[in-house]
Structures are given as structure tokens and as C-alpha cells.
């Protein structure tokens, strides 16, 4: 099956969403206890990492999520 090339608008929307998720990750990561930060980095697919990923996804979808500046 042939895939269509994404439009510039679709690419921009995807990049904006990626920035929002990354911003949420950094914002929430900074609020975690030191042992949780170490667990998230050492075992991202472990129990704590999985719970953190869900928290990030929920937070990124809210209006409270800070916007990351475009680099």
C-alpha cells in the first residue's frame, strides 16, 4: 500500500505535539524524588518508568503543560 507524504501542516502539528510531550517530561521529571529519577533513567520500561510515562501523557494533554520554546 502506498503512503502519502504528510503535509506541512501535519508535520508542524506533530512537531508541536512532540515538543509538548518533551516539555511535560522535563517538567514532571524535575518534580520527582531523586530515587524515582534514577529509576526512570535506569529502567524506563520498569514499573516506575511506566507509571511516569502515563503521568507525562496525561499531563501533556492538559492546558497546564508549559510550552517548550522552539530551538
Protein backbone atom coordinates (compact mmCIF):
# COMPACT_ATOMS: atom_id res chain seq x y z
CA UNK A 1 0.00 0.00 0.00
CA UNK A 2 1.32 3.42 -0.92
CA UNK A 3 1.75 6.00 1.83
CA UNK A 4 1.04 9.65 1.19
CA UNK A 5 3.53 12.33 2.12
CA UNK A 6 2.42 14.36 5.16
CA UNK A 7 1.57 17.99 4.55
CA UNK A 8 3.48 20.88 6.11
CA UNK A 9 0.56 21.48 8.46
CA UNK A 10 0.61 17.84 9.63
CA UNK A 11 4.36 17.98 10.17
CA UNK A 12 4.02 21.19 12.21
CA UNK A 13 1.25 19.66 14.34
CA UNK A 14 3.36 16.56 15.01
CA UNK A 15 6.39 18.64 15.96
CA UNK A 16 4.27 20.83 18.25
CA UNK A 17 2.89 17.74 19.98
CA UNK A 18 6.37 16.24 20.33
CA UNK A 19 7.60 19.47 21.93
CA UNK A 20 4.63 19.45 24.29
CA UNK A 21 5.33 15.87 25.40
CA UNK A 22 9.03 16.61 25.85
CA UNK A 23 8.20 19.72 27.87
CA UNK A 24 5.85 17.70 30.07
CA UNK A 25 8.52 15.03 30.57
CA UNK A 26 11.15 17.55 31.70
CA UNK A 27 8.70 19.48 33.87
CA UNK A 28 7.44 16.38 35.70
CA UNK A 29 10.87 14.74 35.87
CA UNK A 30 12.20 17.76 37.80
CA UNK A 31 9.43 17.33 40.38
CA UNK A 32 10.22 13.66 41.09
CA UNK A 33 12.22 12.42 44.07
CA UNK A 34 15.87 11.56 43.37
CA UNK A 35 15.29 7.79 43.67
CA UNK A 36 12.43 7.98 41.15
CA UNK A 37 14.56 9.99 38.73
CA UNK A 38 17.26 7.33 38.91
CA UNK A 39 14.69 4.54 38.44
CA UNK A 40 13.16 6.29 35.43
CA UNK A 41 16.52 6.63 33.71
CA UNK A 42 17.93 3.23 34.64
CA UNK A 43 14.78 1.22 33.86
CA UNK A 44 12.47 3.24 31.58
CA UNK A 45 10.26 0.18 30.94
CA UNK A 46 10.13 -0.79 34.61
CA UNK A 47 7.22 -0.17 36.95
CA UNK A 48 8.17 3.39 37.95
CA UNK A 49 9.11 4.34 34.38
CA UNK A 50 5.81 3.05 33.03
CA UNK A 51 3.79 4.94 35.64
CA UNK A 52 5.80 8.06 34.91
CA UNK A 53 5.16 7.74 31.15
CA UNK A 54 1.41 7.54 31.78
CA UNK A 55 1.58 10.60 34.03
CA UNK A 56 3.52 12.51 31.36
CA UNK A 57 0.97 11.61 28.68
CA UNK A 58 -1.95 12.74 30.84
CA UNK A 59 -0.18 15.97 31.78
CA UNK A 60 0.84 16.76 28.19
CA UNK A 61 -2.81 16.66 27.15
CA UNK A 62 -3.83 19.29 29.71
CA UNK A 63 -3.69 23.05 29.38
CA UNK A 64 -1.39 23.24 32.42
CA UNK A 65 1.53 21.83 30.47
CA UNK A 66 4.21 24.51 29.89
CA UNK A 67 5.26 25.16 26.29
CA UNK A 68 8.81 24.37 25.28
CA UNK A 69 10.47 27.06 23.18
CA UNK A 70 11.35 26.19 19.60
CA UNK A 71 15.07 25.55 19.24
